[in-house]
Amino acid sequence: MPTEGEDPLTAEAARMPGFNIDGQERPRRADVPHERFHVTLGDAPARGPVDAPVTLVAYSDFECPYCEQGHATLKELMREYKGELRVVYKAFPLSFHRHAMIAALAARSAQSQGKFWEFHDLLLSQRGLSMERILEYAREVNLDLDAMARDIDALKYGVAIRREMREARRLGVRGTPAYFINGRMLSGARPIAEYREIIDQELKLAAKWRASGVAAADVYAYAIADGYRAVEYEEGGDDLDPDAVYDVPVGDSPRRGPDDALVTIVEFADFECPFCARGHAVLERIRQRHGDRVRVVFKHLPLPFHSHAYLAARASMAAMTQGKFWAFHDAVY
């Protein structure tokens, strides 16, 4: 609250990031917007005090050379701001990095064994990344390799990683590394001076908030309380919301796999579509790998510009009446 005789706008500016007590905007040498994002922590691995005045959330890819550079910077910052900085890791493996997703899954398995950060530091040790290296690093920190292999094969932490990736995209992350310092976004591996500038600003703000009655353990929640929670989808976009769960009726559509399977995949397909043929091959690999844990349901979507698609769909339904839908389906594909 402003004191008597104080300009309310100036008082509010004192609470906002990037402003001095006199209401004048600070220089933006780091070129970091003063918007904050609401980046929740969940059960993501963290190092540094839980009541640190500054929390840095890092969206990272273990195969990204820029993440390796950023990791070296973060280690130095943890040393310089010991006790004042907490670093939180979140996964953002890029699709064109061959080993990034496997490494992210392995790191989550290491977390379950209480050795996340030792493994994390080796993965980003600038010695390169391959399956052999991942196993080598796991041995170095004495991980249970059999348990890790089971976790990876079962995609035990796949949902958690995909959730972090969706969260990152909705916050505007498009590449790695991406850092959020008390909710303020800093993209890419930047000079360490730019991190120091933001951290120093946040330390001063945290001191003001503490003086106003905010508990040390609540500083991060206070900093991001009014932050942007997501970047809105572009207007006019017709993409499905990846965070939503849709109720897709199965009805009497042809299916294979048990009705009590853990996962049901509903496919809308066209028998004349080459991309559907590729998708069929992928689904076959999924079925072979996961067996009765997966059920596949087929629904028709013959496209009007495919001259034979509708006829093939009708023929498949005739085959279904004879108990041979899937034999016909597989023969067409």
Protein backbone atom coordinates (compact mmCIF):
# COMPACT_ATOMS: atom_id res chain seq x y z
CA MET A 1 0.00 0.00 0.00
CA PRO A 2 1.27 3.53 -0.76
CA THR A 3 2.10 5.72 2.22
CA GLU A 4 0.28 8.97 2.84
CA GLY A 5 1.05 11.52 0.15
CA GLU A 6 2.69 8.92 -2.12
CA ASP A 7 1.63 8.54 -5.73
CA PRO A 8 -0.27 5.19 -5.95
CA LEU A 9 1.14 4.51 -9.43
CA THR A 10 4.68 4.96 -8.15
CA ALA A 11 3.98 2.62 -5.24
CA GLU A 12 2.63 -0.03 -7.60
CA ALA A 13 5.63 0.40 -9.88
CA ALA A 14 7.89 -0.43 -6.94
CA ARG A 15 6.30 -3.88 -6.78
CA MET A 16 6.62 -4.52 -10.50
CA PRO A 17 9.73 -6.12 -12.03
CA GLY A 18 12.14 -3.80 -13.76
CA PHE A 19 11.18 -0.56 -12.00
CA ASN A 20 12.96 1.56 -9.42
CA ILE A 21 11.19 2.89 -6.37
CA ASP A 22 10.87 6.25 -8.12
CA GLY A 23 8.89 4.66 -10.92
CA GLN A 24 11.60 4.96 -13.55
CA GLU A 25 12.17 1.92 -15.72
CA ARG A 26 15.55 0.26 -15.33
CA PRO A 27 17.85 -0.12 -18.32
CA ARG A 28 17.11 -3.31 -20.27
CA ARG A 29 20.64 -4.28 -21.17
CA ALA A 30 19.70 -7.96 -21.09
CA ASP A 31 16.84 -7.24 -23.49
CA VAL A 32 14.48 -9.27 -21.30
CA PRO A 33 10.80 -8.27 -21.32
CA HIS A 34 9.45 -7.50 -17.89
CA GLU A 35 6.48 -9.80 -18.34
CA ARG A 36 6.32 -12.70 -15.96
CA PHE A 37 5.03 -16.17 -16.73
CA HIS A 38 3.27 -18.47 -14.29
CA VAL A 39 5.68 -21.42 -14.37
CA THR A 40 4.67 -24.06 -11.85
CA LEU A 41 7.30 -26.38 -10.39
CA GLY A 42 5.38 -29.56 -9.59
CA ASP A 43 7.71 -32.44 -8.79
CA ALA A 44 10.46 -31.23 -11.14
CA PRO A 45 13.98 -31.82 -9.77
CA ALA A 46 15.47 -28.78 -8.07
CA ARG A 47 18.72 -27.82 -6.37
CA GLY A 48 19.23 -24.89 -4.09
CA PRO A 49 17.18 -23.82 -1.04
CA VAL A 50 13.39 -24.14 -1.31
CA ASP A 51 13.16 -20.63 0.15
CA ALA A 52 15.73 -19.11 -2.21
CA PRO A 53 14.66 -15.58 -3.26
CA VAL A 54 15.32 -16.39 -6.93
CA THR A 55 14.13 -19.51 -8.75
CA LEU A 56 15.39 -20.29 -12.25
CA VAL A 57 13.40 -22.86 -14.24
CA ALA A 58 15.40 -24.34 -17.12
CA TYR A 59 13.72 -26.06 -20.07
CA SER A 60 16.55 -28.12 -21.45
CA ASP A 61 17.56 -30.75 -24.03
CA PHE A 62 20.45 -33.04 -23.08
CA GLU A 63 21.67 -33.23 -26.69
CA CYS A 64 21.60 -29.47 -27.30
CA PRO A 65 25.07 -27.84 -27.42
CA TYR A 66 23.58 -24.52 -26.30
CA CYS A 67 22.14 -26.25 -23.23
CA GLU A 68 25.65 -27.49 -22.46
CA GLN A 69 26.89 -23.89 -22.61
CA GLY A 70 23.98 -22.74 -20.48
CA HIS A 71 24.68 -25.50 -17.95
CA ALA A 72 28.22 -24.20 -17.43
CA THR A 73 26.77 -20.73 -16.85
CA LEU A 74 24.22 -22.03 -14.35
CA LYS A 75 26.93 -23.84 -12.38
CA GLU A 76 28.84 -20.59 -12.06
CA LEU A 77 25.69 -18.71 -11.03
CA MET A 78 24.92 -21.33 -8.38
CA ARG A 79 28.42 -20.75 -7.00
CA GLU A 80 28.13 -16.94 -7.08
CA TYR A 81 24.61 -16.81 -5.63
CA LYS A 82 24.93 -19.69 -3.18
CA GLY A 83 21.87 -19.83 -0.95
CA GLU A 84 20.06 -17.23 -3.05
CA LEU A 85 19.38 -19.20 -6.24
CA ARG A 86 17.36 -22.34 -6.85
CA VAL A 87 17.58 -24.11 -10.23
CA VAL A 88 14.72 -26.32 -11.45
CA TYR A 89 15.01 -28.66 -14.44
CA LYS A 90 12.22 -29.34 -16.93
CA ALA A 91 12.46 -31.44 -20.07
CA PHE A 92 12.15 -30.06 -23.59
CA PRO A 93 13.82 -32.67 -25.85
CA LEU A 94 13.87 -31.49 -29.46
CA SER A 95 12.56 -33.92 -32.07
CA PHE A 96 15.62 -33.64 -34.33
CA HIS A 97 17.98 -34.70 -31.54
CA ARG A 98 18.12 -38.47 -31.80
CA HIS A 99 18.99 -39.27 -28.18
CA ALA A 100 17.33 -36.35 -26.38
CA MET A 101 14.07 -38.09 -25.45
CA ILE A 102 15.85 -41.26 -24.29
CA ALA A 103 18.16 -39.11 -22.16
CA ALA A 104 15.18 -37.27 -20.66
CA LEU A 105 13.50 -40.59 -19.80
CA ALA A 106 16.74 -41.88 -18.31
CA ALA A 107 17.14 -38.72 -16.23
CA ARG A 108 13.66 -39.15 -14.79
CA SER A 109 14.55 -42.72 -13.89
CA ALA A 110 17.70 -41.40 -12.20
CA GLN A 111 15.51 -38.98 -10.24
CA SER A 112 13.46 -41.93 -8.95
CA GLN A 113 16.75 -43.44 -7.73
CA GLY A 114 17.77 -40.21 -5.99
CA LYS A 115 20.62 -39.42 -8.39
CA PHE A 116 19.14 -36.96 -10.84
CA TRP A 117 21.66 -34.14 -10.57
CA GLU A 118 24.76 -36.32 -10.75
CA PHE A 119 23.36 -37.92 -13.91
CA HIS A 120 22.14 -34.56 -15.27
CA ASP A 121 25.59 -33.01 -14.92
CA LEU A 122 27.24 -35.88 -16.79
CA LEU A 123 24.70 -35.70 -19.62
CA LEU A 124 25.59 -32.03 -20.06
CA SER A 125 29.33 -32.52 -19.59
CA GLN A 126 30.15 -31.68 -23.24
CA ARG A 127 31.43 -35.18 -23.96
CA GLY A 128 28.70 -35.85 -26.51
CA LEU A 129 25.56 -37.96 -26.27
CA SER A 130 24.81 -41.46 -27.55
CA MET A 131 23.19 -44.57 -26.14
CA GLU A 132 26.64 -45.81 -25.15
CA ARG A 133 27.37 -42.55 -23.33
CA ILE A 134 24.01 -42.60 -21.55
CA LEU A 135 24.78 -46.08 -20.22
CA GLU A 136 28.33 -45.03 -19.35
CA TYR A 137 27.07 -42.06 -17.34
CA ALA A 138 24.49 -44.27 -15.61
CA ARG A 139 27.26 -46.62 -14.51
CA GLU A 140 29.38 -43.70 -13.28
CA VAL A 141 26.69 -42.66 -10.82
CA ASN A 142 25.86 -46.28 -9.89
CA LEU A 143 22.32 -46.30 -11.24
CA ASP A 144 20.35 -49.53 -11.32
CA LEU A 145 20.64 -50.15 -15.07
CA ASP A 146 17.95 -52.82 -15.14
CA ALA A 147 15.47 -50.51 -13.44
CA MET A 148 16.38 -47.68 -15.79
CA ALA A 149 15.95 -49.94 -18.83
CA ARG A 150 12.51 -51.04 -17.58
CA ASP A 151 11.47 -47.43 -17.01
CA ILE A 152 12.58 -46.41 -20.50
CA ASP A 153 11.02 -49.43 -22.23
CA ALA A 154 7.70 -48.85 -20.46
CA LEU A 155 7.85 -45.08 -21.16
CA LYS A 156 7.20 -44.73 -17.43
CA TYR A 157 7.88 -41.00 -17.42
CA GLY A 158 6.77 -40.29 -20.99
CA VAL A 159 3.52 -38.60 -19.96
CA ALA A 160 5.30 -36.35 -17.46
CA ILE A 161 7.85 -35.29 -20.08
CA ARG A 162 5.19 -34.62 -22.72
CA ARG A 163 3.27 -32.57 -20.18
CA GLU A 164 6.34 -30.41 -19.55
CA MET A 165 6.85 -30.00 -23.29
CA ARG A 166 3.23 -28.89 -23.81
CA GLU A 167 3.53 -26.52 -20.86
CA ALA A 168 6.68 -25.02 -22.36
CA ARG A 169 5.09 -24.50 -25.77
CA ARG A 170 2.09 -22.81 -24.21
CA LEU A 171 4.49 -20.47 -22.42
CA GLY A 172 6.08 -19.54 -25.74
CA VAL A 173 9.15 -21.79 -25.67
CA ARG A 174 10.27 -22.74 -29.17
CA GLY A 175 13.84 -23.91 -28.61
CA THR A 176 16.43 -24.70 -25.99
CA PRO A 177 17.64 -23.63 -23.60
CA ALA A 178 14.80 -21.50 -22.25
CA TYR A 179 15.03 -20.05 -18.76
CA PHE A 180 12.43 -18.43 -16.53
CA ILE A 181 14.00 -16.40 -13.71
CA ASN A 182 11.25 -15.80 -11.16
CA GLY A 183 8.97 -16.09 -14.17
CA ARG A 184 10.93 -13.77 -16.48
CA MET A 185 11.88 -15.46 -19.72
CA LEU A 186 15.44 -15.56 -21.04
CA SER A 187 15.95 -17.57 -24.24
CA GLY A 188 19.18 -19.13 -25.42
CA ALA A 189 22.66 -19.40 -23.98
CA ARG A 190 23.40 -15.78 -23.08
CA PRO A 191 26.46 -14.06 -21.58
CA ILE A 192 26.56 -14.57 -17.84
CA ALA A 193 26.27 -10.81 -17.27
CA GLU A 194 22.69 -10.90 -18.56
CA TYR A 195 21.72 -13.54 -16.00
CA ARG A 196 23.43 -11.57 -13.23
CA GLU A 197 21.53 -8.43 -14.14
CA ILE A 198 18.15 -10.13 -13.87
CA ILE A 199 19.05 -12.06 -10.72
CA ASP A 200 20.28 -8.88 -9.04
CA GLN A 201 17.01 -7.15 -9.92
CA GLU A 202 15.04 -10.07 -8.53
CA LEU A 203 17.06 -10.13 -5.31
CA LYS A 204 16.22 -6.47 -4.70
CA LEU A 205 12.55 -7.10 -5.41
CA ALA A 206 12.53 -10.15 -3.15
CA ALA A 207 14.01 -8.07 -0.34
CA LYS A 208 11.20 -5.52 -0.74
CA TRP A 209 8.58 -8.25 -0.75
CA ARG A 210 10.10 -9.87 2.34
CA ALA A 211 10.07 -6.50 4.09
CA SER A 212 6.38 -6.14 3.24
CA GLY A 213 5.57 -9.45 4.94
CA VAL A 214 5.99 -12.10 2.24
CA ALA A 215 7.51 -15.25 3.75
CA ALA A 216 10.83 -16.39 2.29
CA ALA A 217 9.31 -19.68 1.13
CA ASP A 218 6.52 -17.79 -0.66
CA VAL A 219 8.63 -15.38 -2.71
CA TYR A 220 8.51 -17.46 -5.90
CA ALA A 221 4.75 -17.99 -5.69
CA TYR A 222 4.34 -14.25 -5.05
CA ALA A 223 6.55 -13.36 -8.02
CA ILE A 224 4.62 -15.48 -10.52
CA ALA A 225 1.14 -15.06 -9.02
CA ASP A 226 -0.06 -12.68 -11.72
CA GLY A 227 2.12 -14.05 -14.50
CA TYR A 228 0.88 -15.20 -17.87
CA ARG A 229 -0.34 -18.76 -17.57
CA ALA A 230 -0.20 -19.61 -21.26
CA VAL A 231 0.33 -18.13 -24.67
CA GLU A 232 -3.02 -18.20 -26.44
CA TYR A 233 -3.41 -20.17 -29.62
CA GLU A 234 -3.55 -18.04 -32.76
CA GLU A 235 -7.04 -16.94 -33.72
CA GLY A 236 -8.53 -19.00 -36.48
CA GLY A 237 -6.38 -22.01 -35.70
CA ASP A 238 -8.23 -25.32 -35.92
CA ASP A 239 -5.75 -27.47 -34.01
CA LEU A 240 -7.08 -29.62 -31.22
CA ASP A 241 -6.04 -28.62 -27.73
CA PRO A 242 -3.20 -31.03 -26.80
CA ASP A 243 -3.99 -30.58 -23.11
CA ALA A 244 -7.65 -31.61 -23.46
CA VAL A 245 -9.10 -35.11 -23.12
CA TYR A 246 -11.79 -35.78 -25.72
CA ASP A 247 -14.67 -38.21 -25.29
CA VAL A 248 -14.50 -40.28 -28.48
CA PRO A 249 -17.29 -42.91 -28.54
CA VAL A 250 -16.14 -46.35 -29.61
CA GLY A 251 -19.61 -47.63 -30.46
CA ASP A 252 -19.60 -50.71 -32.68
CA SER A 253 -16.52 -49.66 -34.63
CA PRO A 254 -14.07 -52.46 -35.45
CA ARG A 255 -11.39 -52.86 -32.84
CA ARG A 256 -8.56 -55.15 -31.90
CA GLY A 257 -7.15 -55.54 -28.46
CA PRO A 258 -8.98 -56.22 -25.17
CA ASP A 259 -11.76 -53.91 -24.00
CA ASP A 260 -9.94 -53.44 -20.69
CA ALA A 261 -6.67 -52.35 -22.34
CA LEU A 262 -4.83 -49.57 -20.52
CA VAL A 263 -4.67 -47.43 -23.67
CA THR A 264 -7.22 -47.06 -26.47
CA ILE A 265 -6.16 -45.49 -29.77
CA VAL A 266 -9.04 -44.33 -31.98
CA GLU A 267 -7.91 -43.90 -35.58
CA PHE A 268 -9.83 -41.95 -38.25
CA ALA A 269 -8.43 -43.12 -41.57
CA ASP A 270 -8.81 -43.34 -45.36
CA PHE A 271 -7.79 -46.54 -47.16
CA GLU A 272 -6.38 -44.58 -50.11
CA CYS A 273 -4.31 -42.16 -48.02
CA PRO A 274 -0.53 -42.80 -48.12
CA PHE A 275 -0.09 -41.14 -44.73
CA CYS A 276 -2.68 -43.48 -43.23
CA ALA A 277 -0.64 -46.37 -44.62
CA ARG A 278 2.39 -45.02 -42.78
CA GLY A 279 0.30 -44.62 -39.64
CA HIS A 280 -0.84 -48.23 -39.97
CA ALA A 281 2.80 -49.36 -39.88
CA VAL A 282 3.39 -47.30 -36.73
CA LEU A 283 0.29 -48.73 -35.03
CA GLU A 284 1.48 -52.23 -35.86
CA ARG A 285 4.77 -51.57 -34.11
CA ILE A 286 2.92 -50.19 -31.10
CA ARG A 287 0.72 -53.30 -30.94
CA GLN A 288 3.71 -55.60 -31.24
CA ARG A 289 5.55 -53.77 -28.49
CA HIS A 290 2.72 -53.32 -26.00
CA GLY A 291 0.47 -56.29 -26.73
CA ASP A 292 -2.75 -56.44 -24.73
CA ARG A 293 -2.04 -53.11 -23.04
CA VAL A 294 -3.27 -51.34 -26.20
CA ARG A 295 -6.59 -51.42 -28.07
CA VAL A 296 -6.92 -49.94 -31.57
CA VAL A 297 -10.31 -48.75 -32.84
CA PHE A 298 -10.83 -47.94 -36.53
CA LYS A 299 -13.22 -45.25 -37.78
CA HIS A 300 -13.76 -44.27 -41.41
CA LEU A 301 -12.84 -40.89 -42.86
CA PRO A 302 -12.75 -41.38 -46.67
CA LEU A 303 -11.60 -38.14 -48.31
CA PRO A 304 -13.67 -36.91 -51.29
CA PHE A 305 -10.64 -36.44 -53.57
CA HIS A 306 -9.65 -40.11 -53.22
CA SER A 307 -11.71 -41.84 -55.89
CA HIS A 308 -11.55 -45.31 -54.36
CA ALA A 309 -11.61 -44.46 -50.65
CA TYR A 310 -15.38 -44.61 -50.13
CA LEU A 311 -15.69 -47.88 -52.05
CA ALA A 312 -12.88 -49.39 -49.97
CA ALA A 313 -14.62 -48.25 -46.78
CA ARG A 314 -17.88 -49.93 -47.85
CA ALA A 315 -16.01 -53.10 -48.80
CA SER A 316 -14.34 -53.18 -45.38
CA MET A 317 -17.73 -52.98 -43.68
CA ALA A 318 -18.95 -55.87 -45.81
CA ALA A 319 -15.86 -57.78 -44.71
CA MET A 320 -16.75 -56.93 -41.12
CA THR A 321 -20.13 -58.67 -41.46
CA GLN A 322 -18.18 -61.80 -42.41
CA GLY A 323 -15.82 -61.43 -39.46
CA LYS A 324 -12.87 -60.46 -41.65
CA PHE A 325 -12.56 -56.69 -41.24
CA TRP A 326 -8.97 -56.69 -39.98
CA ALA A 327 -7.78 -59.17 -42.58
CA PHE A 328 -9.22 -56.90 -45.28
CA HIS A 329 -7.87 -53.78 -43.53
CA ASP A 330 -4.33 -55.16 -43.36
CA ALA A 331 -4.44 -56.36 -46.97
CA VAL A 332 -5.43 -52.89 -48.21
CA TYR A 333 -2.61 -51.26 -46.25
